[in-house]
Amino acid sequence: MNNHHAELCASPQWAALLHDKVLPVAVADADLGKELIEVGPGPGAATEWLRSRVERLTAVEIDEAAAALLADRYAGTNVEVRQGSGAALEFADDSFDSAACFTMLHHVPTTALQNRLLAEILRVLRPGGVLVGADSLASSPLHEFHEGDTYNPVEPAAFLVRLQTLGYVDITLGVGTGLTFSAHKPEAREEGEA
């Protein structure tokens, strides 16, 4: 991540924007349950807001330094920080009621790796669990802002099809100044149901 980008993502202004404008829209009526996994929290701009809405939040951050800073920040709270890849989650199937990923998918270098990450999230969600998130939309200014960074923006119409193909149901996308989304893991089928 370039210095300008890193400074913005760690700023109180960025956290305030997420807390006031993005998170309430993305989460809206979603039932987060008791246990949430946040994939790619970076400096934790969304973590504080999310942790106040669940009993336990597990944050998985790929960057070792960012994970260490988050672990220090949230020591002794309801947040457990793990350093690792969202594309290879070290949790059993059906471990979480909900999942979140905010403004991080465009940092995943390929669509295939984004799909692997989304498939892993689906795997660790309990039946009926929800994934909530948001990301930026492609633009020339954002492309320039990410100079020297990984920048692989999500295209909304293709993202809907990707989520459906992976097995998510009950998908809602909102497209405005950015992309917000929610998608559910199918409910467990009763024995004998087709």
Protein backbone atom coordinates (compact mmCIF):
# COMPACT_ATOMS: atom_id res chain seq x y z
CA MET A 1 0.00 0.00 0.00
CA ASN A 2 1.45 3.42 -0.90
CA ASN A 3 1.97 5.98 1.89
CA HIS A 4 -0.98 8.22 0.95
CA HIS A 5 -3.29 5.24 0.89
CA ALA A 6 -2.01 3.84 4.19
CA GLU A 7 -2.42 7.25 5.87
CA LEU A 8 -5.99 7.63 4.61
CA CYS A 9 -7.09 4.14 5.69
CA ALA A 10 -5.72 4.68 9.21
CA SER A 11 -7.18 8.18 9.60
CA PRO A 12 -10.04 9.10 11.95
CA GLN A 13 -11.76 10.76 8.96
CA TRP A 14 -11.83 7.47 7.05
CA ALA A 15 -13.19 5.61 10.09
CA ALA A 16 -15.87 8.30 10.55
CA LEU A 17 -16.91 8.01 6.90
CA LEU A 18 -17.21 4.24 7.22
CA HIS A 19 -19.10 4.46 10.53
CA ASP A 20 -21.51 7.20 9.41
CA LYS A 21 -22.13 6.46 5.73
CA VAL A 22 -20.96 3.00 4.64
CA LEU A 23 -21.45 0.51 7.48
CA PRO A 24 -25.06 1.44 8.35
CA VAL A 25 -26.07 1.01 4.70
CA ALA A 26 -24.11 -2.21 4.14
CA VAL A 27 -25.29 -3.86 7.34
CA ALA A 28 -28.82 -2.33 7.29
CA ASP A 29 -31.20 -5.11 8.33
CA ALA A 30 -28.63 -7.93 8.40
CA ASP A 31 -28.69 -10.17 11.47
CA LEU A 32 -25.03 -10.43 12.43
CA GLY A 33 -25.73 -12.97 15.19
CA LYS A 34 -23.20 -13.49 17.97
CA GLU A 35 -19.99 -14.41 16.11
CA LEU A 36 -18.62 -12.43 13.17
CA ILE A 37 -15.47 -12.86 11.10
CA GLU A 38 -14.01 -9.73 9.53
CA VAL A 39 -11.67 -10.49 6.64
CA GLY A 40 -9.09 -7.87 5.71
CA PRO A 41 -9.64 -5.27 8.44
CA GLY A 42 -6.36 -3.46 7.64
CA PRO A 43 -5.99 -0.77 10.32
CA GLY A 44 -9.41 -1.66 11.76
CA ALA A 45 -11.49 1.27 10.50
CA ALA A 46 -14.65 -0.88 10.51
CA THR A 47 -13.70 -3.17 13.40
CA GLU A 48 -14.74 -0.88 16.24
CA TRP A 49 -18.20 -0.34 14.75
CA LEU A 50 -18.68 -4.04 14.01
CA ARG A 51 -17.47 -5.31 17.40
CA SER A 52 -20.13 -3.32 19.23
CA ARG A 53 -22.82 -5.30 17.37
CA VAL A 54 -21.68 -8.86 18.14
CA GLU A 55 -20.48 -10.85 21.12
CA ARG A 56 -17.28 -12.02 19.42
CA LEU A 57 -15.42 -10.70 16.39
CA THR A 58 -12.54 -12.58 14.78
CA ALA A 59 -10.42 -10.36 12.51
CA VAL A 60 -8.24 -12.05 9.88
CA GLU A 61 -5.56 -9.78 8.43
CA ILE A 62 -2.95 -10.93 5.91
CA ASP A 63 -0.43 -8.16 6.67
CA GLU A 64 1.67 -9.19 9.66
CA ALA A 65 2.37 -5.64 10.89
CA ALA A 66 -1.28 -4.58 10.61
CA ALA A 67 -2.40 -7.74 12.42
CA ALA A 68 0.06 -7.06 15.25
CA LEU A 69 -1.17 -3.47 15.63
CA LEU A 70 -4.79 -4.64 15.70
CA ALA A 71 -4.00 -7.36 18.24
CA ASP A 72 -2.43 -4.76 20.53
CA ARG A 73 -5.31 -2.34 20.04
CA TYR A 74 -7.99 -4.92 20.86
CA ALA A 75 -6.21 -6.95 23.56
CA GLY A 76 -8.66 -7.86 26.31
CA THR A 77 -11.77 -7.08 24.25
CA ASN A 78 -14.26 -9.20 22.31
CA VAL A 79 -11.95 -9.05 19.25
CA GLU A 80 -9.50 -11.83 18.43
CA VAL A 81 -7.00 -11.01 15.70
CA ARG A 82 -5.46 -13.71 13.51
CA GLN A 83 -2.75 -13.14 10.95
CA GLY A 84 -3.53 -15.09 7.79
CA SER A 85 -5.12 -15.14 4.37
CA GLY A 86 -8.84 -14.82 3.82
CA ALA A 87 -8.39 -17.20 0.89
CA ALA A 88 -7.24 -19.97 3.28
CA LEU A 89 -9.18 -19.52 6.51
CA GLU A 90 -8.08 -21.74 9.39
CA PHE A 91 -11.54 -22.35 10.80
CA ALA A 92 -13.94 -25.27 10.63
CA ASP A 93 -16.96 -25.22 8.35
CA ASP A 94 -19.99 -23.41 9.78
CA SER A 95 -18.01 -21.46 12.43
CA PHE A 96 -19.52 -17.95 12.19
CA ASP A 97 -22.96 -16.34 12.12
CA SER A 98 -21.78 -13.53 9.88
CA ALA A 99 -18.83 -12.22 7.92
CA ALA A 100 -17.68 -8.78 6.82
CA CYS A 101 -15.20 -7.35 4.36
CA PHE A 102 -15.03 -3.60 3.92
CA THR A 103 -13.02 -1.77 1.26
CA MET A 104 -10.56 -4.63 0.85
CA LEU A 105 -11.63 -6.74 -2.14
CA HIS A 106 -9.97 -4.32 -4.58
CA HIS A 107 -6.66 -5.10 -2.85
CA VAL A 108 -6.94 -8.80 -3.79
CA PRO A 109 -4.82 -9.08 -6.95
CA THR A 110 -6.93 -11.41 -9.12
CA THR A 111 -10.58 -12.27 -9.61
CA ALA A 112 -9.72 -15.93 -9.00
CA LEU A 113 -8.21 -15.08 -5.61
CA GLN A 114 -11.19 -12.86 -4.76
CA ASN A 115 -13.46 -15.82 -5.59
CA ARG A 116 -11.37 -18.13 -3.40
CA LEU A 117 -11.68 -15.66 -0.52
CA LEU A 118 -15.46 -15.40 -1.01
CA ALA A 119 -15.74 -19.21 -1.19
CA GLU A 120 -13.77 -19.53 2.07
CA ILE A 121 -16.09 -17.05 3.75
CA LEU A 122 -19.09 -19.05 2.54
CA ARG A 123 -17.54 -22.23 3.91
CA VAL A 124 -17.03 -20.82 7.41
CA LEU A 125 -20.47 -19.22 7.61
CA ARG A 126 -23.20 -21.16 9.38
CA PRO A 127 -26.28 -22.03 7.29
CA GLY A 128 -28.34 -18.87 6.90
CA GLY A 129 -25.32 -16.72 7.81
CA VAL A 130 -24.70 -13.42 6.06
CA LEU A 131 -21.72 -11.77 4.40
CA VAL A 132 -21.88 -7.95 4.46
CA GLY A 133 -19.44 -5.62 2.82
CA ALA A 134 -18.59 -2.63 0.72
CA ASP A 135 -15.98 -1.65 -1.79
CA SER A 136 -15.13 1.20 -4.10
CA LEU A 137 -16.15 1.35 -7.73
CA ALA A 138 -13.59 1.63 -10.50
CA SER A 139 -12.56 5.15 -11.45
CA SER A 140 -9.55 6.92 -12.91
CA PRO A 141 -8.91 8.94 -9.71
CA LEU A 142 -8.94 5.74 -7.61
CA HIS A 143 -6.65 4.04 -10.10
CA GLU A 144 -4.22 6.95 -9.73
CA PHE A 145 -4.62 6.94 -5.92
CA HIS A 146 -3.61 3.26 -5.88
CA GLU A 147 -0.42 3.84 -7.88
CA GLY A 148 2.11 1.29 -6.64
CA ASP A 149 -0.67 -0.72 -4.92
CA THR A 150 -2.74 -3.68 -5.94
CA TYR A 151 -5.92 -2.28 -7.49
CA ASN A 152 -8.44 -4.80 -8.79
CA PRO A 153 -11.90 -3.21 -8.47
CA VAL A 154 -15.05 -5.31 -8.38
CA GLU A 155 -17.54 -4.80 -11.23
CA PRO A 156 -21.05 -4.94 -9.67
CA ALA A 157 -22.96 -6.92 -12.34
CA ALA A 158 -20.20 -9.52 -12.60
CA PHE A 159 -19.94 -9.61 -8.79
CA LEU A 160 -23.60 -10.64 -8.52
CA VAL A 161 -23.03 -13.56 -10.88
CA ARG A 162 -19.82 -14.52 -9.07
CA LEU A 163 -21.60 -14.63 -5.70
CA GLN A 164 -24.44 -16.72 -7.18
CA THR A 165 -21.97 -19.11 -8.84
CA LEU A 166 -20.14 -19.61 -5.55
CA GLY A 167 -23.41 -20.62 -3.87
CA TYR A 168 -24.58 -17.46 -2.10
CA VAL A 169 -28.30 -16.72 -2.06
CA ASP A 170 -30.51 -13.80 -1.08
CA ILE A 171 -27.99 -11.34 -2.52
CA THR A 172 -28.46 -7.58 -2.35
CA LEU A 173 -26.17 -5.13 -4.12
CA GLY A 174 -26.31 -1.37 -3.74
CA VAL A 175 -24.51 0.80 -6.27
CA GLY A 176 -24.06 4.50 -5.56
CA THR A 177 -20.80 6.27 -4.85
CA GLY A 178 -19.53 2.79 -3.95
CA LEU A 179 -20.71 -0.81 -3.84
CA THR A 180 -22.44 -2.31 -0.81
CA PHE A 181 -23.50 -5.94 -0.64
CA SER A 182 -25.03 -8.64 1.48
CA ALA A 183 -25.25 -12.32 0.57
CA HIS A 184 -26.35 -15.37 2.55
CA LYS A 185 -25.28 -18.96 2.90
CA PRO A 186 -28.26 -21.17 2.10
CA GLU A 187 -30.21 -22.48 5.07
CA ALA A 188 -29.58 -26.12 5.94
CA ARG A 189 -31.98 -28.42 4.16
CA GLU A 190 -34.23 -30.62 6.19
CA GLU A 191 -33.83 -34.34 5.60
CA GLY A 192 -36.01 -35.42 2.71
CA GLU A 193 -36.19 -31.92 1.11
CA ALA A 194 -35.41 -31.71 -2.57
